[in-house]
Amino acid sequence: MELNTALTLGSLFDGSGGFPLGGLLCGITPVWASEIEPFPIRVTTKRLPFMKHYGDISQMDGGKIEPVDIITFGSPCTDMSIAGRRAGLDGKQSVLFYQAIHIIQEMRDATHGKYPRYIVWENVPGAFSSNHGEDFKAVLEAVIGIKEPGTQVPMPEKNLWPYADLYLGEQWSVAYRTLDAQYWGVPQRRRRIYLVADFAGWGAGVCWTPLASAPNTRRTAEASVLSRSAPLRFGRAWFPPLSRWRATPSTAASKSPMTVPSRR
């Protein structure tokens, strides 16, 4: 008997289904989405008719919807973008980030920590500097806090967050990189932060390496991600090496000297 091991995906702040489409291209099954704008919903209901729609994120209960392996969310960037008024995570739109975190926590509580194993968060690079860097610190603490409540992430030197970084703890990992869409066929310079969390292993950093078929072990993850001292080539863009930081349970540890310099 052959078991179906395909990953499943739920998309918050879905828009026109960018994350579900990316999931389909990678063999991942989109199960549900949350979006309130009528036109994007029309697009996804026509193009992805098998995907369930839950509407307003503020009306969702993560413990009462279908559990999925991956939850993706590009929370509203309006209040953190350098083009906006910069109200930050406390702004009327960007504060919905915490609603997504709440839904993820509800699902994990209802499934005894099994689902979702992974989350992917996308936002503008303005998140690095919003509220003098404190907002991105809050994002990291909220994400890591799903697995390690109370974790405190130290601010970087001069409050300047690197373009890429990796955080490791006991059976969890969080990694982020700033990617530019012009290197993936989009005819414009469009930089975005992509953050990946693995709540059951050290797989987050592996997502940002060119190793496509590394065995899924902690030793391999450490060897392939943490030991790199040269820039990585991903797509057609050069990225700096990841910095190394291991968090002890419930508290933050100091970073190693292998820190990515800021180029903002």
Protein backbone atom coordinates (compact mmCIF):
# COMPACT_ATOMS: atom_id res chain seq x y z
CA MET A 1 0.00 0.00 0.00
CA GLU A 2 1.49 3.34 -1.06
CA LEU A 3 0.97 6.19 1.39
CA ASN A 4 0.18 9.71 0.22
CA THR A 5 2.93 11.87 1.70
CA ALA A 6 2.11 15.10 -0.18
CA LEU A 7 2.31 18.20 1.96
CA THR A 8 -0.79 20.36 2.41
CA LEU A 9 -1.02 24.15 2.55
CA GLY A 10 -3.28 26.84 3.96
CA SER A 11 -2.93 30.45 2.83
CA LEU A 12 -3.77 33.48 4.98
CA PHE A 13 -4.01 36.93 3.33
CA ASP A 14 -4.18 34.89 0.15
CA GLY A 15 -4.54 37.61 -2.48
CA SER A 16 -4.79 35.95 -5.89
CA GLY A 17 -3.33 32.64 -4.75
CA GLY A 18 0.40 33.19 -5.20
CA PHE A 19 1.45 30.83 -2.41
CA PRO A 20 -1.08 28.11 -3.38
CA LEU A 21 0.14 28.29 -6.99
CA GLY A 22 3.75 28.02 -5.85
CA GLY A 23 2.75 25.06 -3.71
CA LEU A 24 1.10 23.31 -6.64
CA LEU A 25 4.24 23.77 -8.73
CA CYS A 26 6.20 22.04 -5.95
CA GLY A 27 3.76 19.16 -5.49
CA ILE A 28 2.06 20.66 -2.43
CA THR A 29 -1.74 20.54 -2.15
CA PRO A 30 -3.50 23.84 -1.27
CA VAL A 31 -6.44 23.07 1.02
CA TRP A 32 -7.86 26.41 2.10
CA ALA A 33 -7.36 30.17 1.88
CA SER A 34 -8.41 33.35 3.65
CA GLU A 35 -9.04 36.55 1.68
CA ILE A 36 -11.62 39.35 1.83
CA GLU A 37 -11.17 41.19 -1.49
CA PRO A 38 -13.80 40.06 -4.04
CA PHE A 39 -11.69 40.07 -7.22
CA PRO A 40 -8.79 37.95 -5.89
CA ILE A 41 -11.34 35.49 -4.51
CA ARG A 42 -12.94 35.25 -7.97
CA VAL A 43 -9.52 34.49 -9.44
CA THR A 44 -8.73 31.67 -7.04
CA THR A 45 -12.23 30.15 -7.04
CA LYS A 46 -11.97 29.88 -10.82
CA ARG A 47 -8.33 28.77 -11.06
CA LEU A 48 -8.21 26.66 -7.90
CA PRO A 49 -11.83 25.49 -7.48
CA PHE A 50 -10.89 22.71 -5.07
CA MET A 51 -9.58 25.17 -2.47
CA LYS A 52 -11.92 26.15 0.38
CA HIS A 53 -12.32 29.85 1.25
CA TYR A 54 -12.73 31.08 4.82
CA GLY A 55 -12.99 34.82 4.19
CA ASP A 56 -12.12 37.28 6.97
CA ILE A 57 -9.09 36.13 8.98
CA SER A 58 -10.49 37.77 12.11
CA GLN A 59 -13.39 35.30 12.04
CA MET A 60 -11.22 32.18 11.78
CA ASP A 61 -10.45 29.70 14.55
CA GLY A 62 -7.29 27.73 13.80
CA GLY A 63 -8.47 24.88 15.99
CA LYS A 64 -11.64 24.34 13.97
CA ILE A 65 -10.34 24.35 10.38
CA GLU A 66 -8.56 21.62 8.46
CA PRO A 67 -5.02 21.09 9.81
CA VAL A 68 -2.31 21.62 7.18
CA ASP A 69 1.43 21.02 7.04
CA ILE A 70 2.25 24.57 5.90
CA ILE A 71 0.60 27.91 6.62
CA THR A 72 1.68 30.82 4.44
CA PHE A 73 0.90 34.45 5.13
CA GLY A 74 1.93 37.72 3.58
CA SER A 75 0.42 39.92 6.27
CA PRO A 76 -0.47 43.51 5.27
CA CYS A 77 2.68 45.57 4.72
CA THR A 78 0.92 48.96 4.62
CA ASP A 79 2.13 50.14 8.02
CA MET A 80 5.71 48.90 7.66
CA SER A 81 6.46 49.95 4.09
CA ILE A 82 8.74 52.95 3.63
CA ALA A 83 6.04 54.23 1.24
CA GLY A 84 3.44 54.37 4.01
CA ARG A 85 2.95 56.28 7.25
CA ARG A 86 5.06 53.71 9.12
CA ALA A 87 2.66 53.02 11.97
CA GLY A 88 4.44 49.67 12.35
CA LEU A 89 3.02 46.44 13.74
CA ASP A 90 0.58 48.46 15.84
CA GLY A 91 -0.94 49.96 12.68
CA LYS A 92 -4.50 49.12 11.69
CA GLN A 93 -3.43 46.76 8.86
CA SER A 94 -0.07 45.32 9.86
CA VAL A 95 -1.33 44.37 13.33
CA LEU A 96 -3.17 41.50 11.59
CA PHE A 97 0.18 39.69 11.66
CA TYR A 98 -0.66 38.73 15.24
CA GLN A 99 -4.03 37.31 14.17
CA ALA A 100 -2.16 34.94 11.84
CA ILE A 101 0.15 33.91 14.69
CA HIS A 102 -2.93 33.32 16.87
CA ILE A 103 -4.50 31.04 14.23
CA ILE A 104 -1.27 29.07 13.87
CA GLN A 105 -1.05 28.62 17.64
CA GLU A 106 -4.70 27.52 17.82
CA MET A 107 -4.11 24.85 15.18
CA ARG A 108 -0.98 23.58 16.92
CA ASP A 109 -2.81 23.44 20.25
CA ALA A 110 -5.69 21.50 18.67
CA THR A 111 -3.32 19.01 17.00
CA HIS A 112 -0.95 18.66 19.97
CA GLY A 113 1.83 20.48 18.14
CA LYS A 114 1.72 18.45 14.94
CA TYR A 115 0.22 21.00 12.51
CA PRO A 116 1.38 23.18 10.99
CA ARG A 117 4.98 22.04 11.03
CA TYR A 118 6.08 24.85 8.70
CA ILE A 119 5.09 28.47 8.19
CA VAL A 120 6.19 30.96 5.53
CA TRP A 121 5.88 34.72 6.11
CA GLU A 122 6.42 37.32 3.39
CA ASN A 123 6.72 41.07 3.76
CA VAL A 124 8.49 44.23 2.60
CA PRO A 125 12.11 45.04 3.56
CA GLY A 126 10.70 48.06 5.39
CA ALA A 127 9.91 45.60 8.20
CA PHE A 128 13.63 45.63 9.05
CA SER A 129 13.62 49.34 9.90
CA SER A 130 10.03 49.79 11.08
CA ASN A 131 9.92 51.26 14.60
CA HIS A 132 13.74 51.45 14.60
CA GLY A 133 14.04 47.70 14.05
CA GLU A 134 11.82 46.74 16.99
CA ASP A 135 9.01 45.48 14.76
CA PHE A 136 11.16 42.81 13.08
CA LYS A 137 12.40 41.75 16.50
CA ALA A 138 8.73 41.38 17.50
CA VAL A 139 8.08 39.28 14.36
CA LEU A 140 10.94 36.91 15.19
CA GLU A 141 9.88 36.62 18.83
CA ALA A 142 6.26 35.92 17.85
CA VAL A 143 7.27 33.21 15.37
CA ILE A 144 9.84 31.55 17.65
CA GLY A 145 7.40 31.97 20.54
CA ILE A 146 5.01 29.54 18.87
CA LYS A 147 7.48 26.78 19.82
CA GLU A 148 9.42 28.50 22.64
CA PRO A 149 7.13 30.94 24.50
CA GLY A 150 8.95 33.81 26.15
CA THR A 151 12.00 33.72 23.89
CA GLN A 152 13.78 37.08 23.64
CA VAL A 153 15.68 37.84 20.41
CA PRO A 154 18.56 40.31 20.80
CA MET A 155 18.63 43.41 18.64
CA PRO A 156 21.44 43.52 16.07
CA GLU A 157 24.28 46.01 16.24
CA LYS A 158 23.02 49.56 15.54
CA ASN A 159 19.51 48.09 15.13
CA LEU A 160 20.37 47.06 11.55
CA TRP A 161 18.97 43.64 10.69
CA PRO A 162 20.98 41.56 8.18
CA TYR A 163 19.38 40.61 4.89
CA ALA A 164 19.59 36.91 5.82
CA ASP A 165 19.81 35.02 9.09
CA LEU A 166 19.20 31.67 10.78
CA TYR A 167 17.96 30.88 14.30
CA LEU A 168 18.16 27.40 15.81
CA GLY A 169 16.73 25.90 18.98
CA GLU A 170 15.84 22.50 20.37
CA GLN A 171 13.90 20.89 17.52
CA TRP A 172 13.01 24.14 15.75
CA SER A 173 14.54 26.54 13.26
CA VAL A 174 13.71 29.91 11.72
CA ALA A 175 15.49 31.35 8.68
CA TYR A 176 14.84 34.37 6.50
CA ARG A 177 16.25 35.91 3.34
CA THR A 178 15.54 39.00 1.27
CA LEU A 179 14.83 37.99 -2.32
CA ASP A 180 14.41 40.19 -5.40
CA ALA A 181 11.76 39.14 -7.92
CA GLN A 182 13.79 40.49 -10.86
CA TYR A 183 15.94 37.36 -10.63
CA TRP A 184 12.89 35.12 -11.09
CA GLY A 185 11.51 36.54 -14.32
CA VAL A 186 9.61 39.60 -13.05
CA PRO A 187 10.55 42.73 -15.05
CA GLN A 188 10.97 44.96 -12.01
CA ARG A 189 13.06 45.29 -8.86
CA ARG A 190 10.77 43.90 -6.15
CA ARG A 191 12.53 42.93 -2.93
CA ARG A 192 10.70 40.98 -0.25
CA ILE A 193 11.56 39.23 3.01
CA TYR A 194 10.74 35.51 3.08
CA LEU A 195 10.83 33.84 6.49
CA VAL A 196 10.51 30.07 6.96
CA ALA A 197 9.95 28.33 10.29
CA ASP A 198 10.24 24.59 10.97
CA PHE A 199 8.68 23.76 14.33
CA ALA A 200 9.92 20.17 14.39
CA GLY A 201 13.50 20.28 13.14
CA TRP A 202 16.36 22.21 11.58
CA GLY A 203 14.88 22.31 8.10
CA ALA A 204 14.27 26.07 7.80
CA GLY A 205 17.83 26.91 6.81
CA VAL A 206 17.98 24.11 4.27
CA CYS A 207 15.23 25.91 2.32
CA TRP A 208 17.74 28.62 1.46
CA THR A 209 20.60 26.41 0.29
CA PRO A 210 21.10 25.11 -3.27
CA LEU A 211 21.09 21.53 -1.93
CA ALA A 212 17.96 20.06 -3.44
CA SER A 213 18.13 16.51 -2.11
CA ALA A 214 19.89 16.51 1.26
CA PRO A 215 18.76 13.75 3.66
CA ASN A 216 16.37 15.07 6.28
CA THR A 217 18.62 14.86 9.33
CA ARG A 218 19.76 17.38 11.90
CA ARG A 219 23.40 16.54 11.19
CA THR A 220 22.95 17.20 7.48
CA ALA A 221 21.08 20.43 8.16
CA GLU A 222 23.88 21.65 10.40
CA ALA A 223 26.60 20.65 7.94
CA SER A 224 24.92 22.09 4.87
CA VAL A 225 23.72 25.36 6.37
CA LEU A 226 25.85 26.37 9.31
CA SER A 227 29.31 25.54 8.02
CA ARG A 228 29.07 27.72 4.92
CA SER A 229 31.45 30.66 4.90
CA ALA A 230 31.17 31.65 1.23
CA PRO A 231 28.23 33.39 -0.44
CA LEU A 232 25.49 31.10 -1.71
CA ARG A 233 24.21 31.17 -5.27
CA PHE A 234 20.43 30.82 -5.39
CA GLY A 235 18.67 31.40 -8.70
CA ARG A 236 20.67 34.17 -10.37
CA ALA A 237 21.29 36.24 -7.23
CA TRP A 238 24.22 36.15 -4.83
CA PHE A 239 23.36 36.03 -1.16
CA PRO A 240 25.65 36.39 1.86
CA PRO A 241 26.28 33.42 4.16
CA LEU A 242 23.84 32.81 6.99
CA SER A 243 24.82 33.89 10.48
CA ARG A 244 24.71 31.30 13.24
CA TRP A 245 22.71 31.60 16.41
CA ARG A 246 21.45 28.81 18.62
CA ALA A 247 18.76 29.62 21.12
CA THR A 248 18.50 27.73 24.36
CA PRO A 249 14.94 26.79 25.36
CA SER A 250 12.95 29.80 26.60
CA THR A 251 15.83 32.23 26.25
CA ALA A 252 18.03 33.76 23.59
CA ALA A 253 21.74 33.11 23.24
CA SER A 254 24.41 35.35 21.81
CA LYS A 255 25.23 35.22 18.13
CA SER A 256 28.45 33.86 16.73
CA PRO A 257 30.92 36.08 14.84
CA MET A 258 29.57 34.74 11.53
CA THR A 259 27.13 37.61 11.03
CA VAL A 260 25.78 38.85 7.73
CA PRO A 261 26.65 42.53 7.24
CA SER A 262 23.73 44.84 6.55
CA ARG A 263 23.58 46.36 3.08
CA ARG A 264 20.43 48.48 3.39
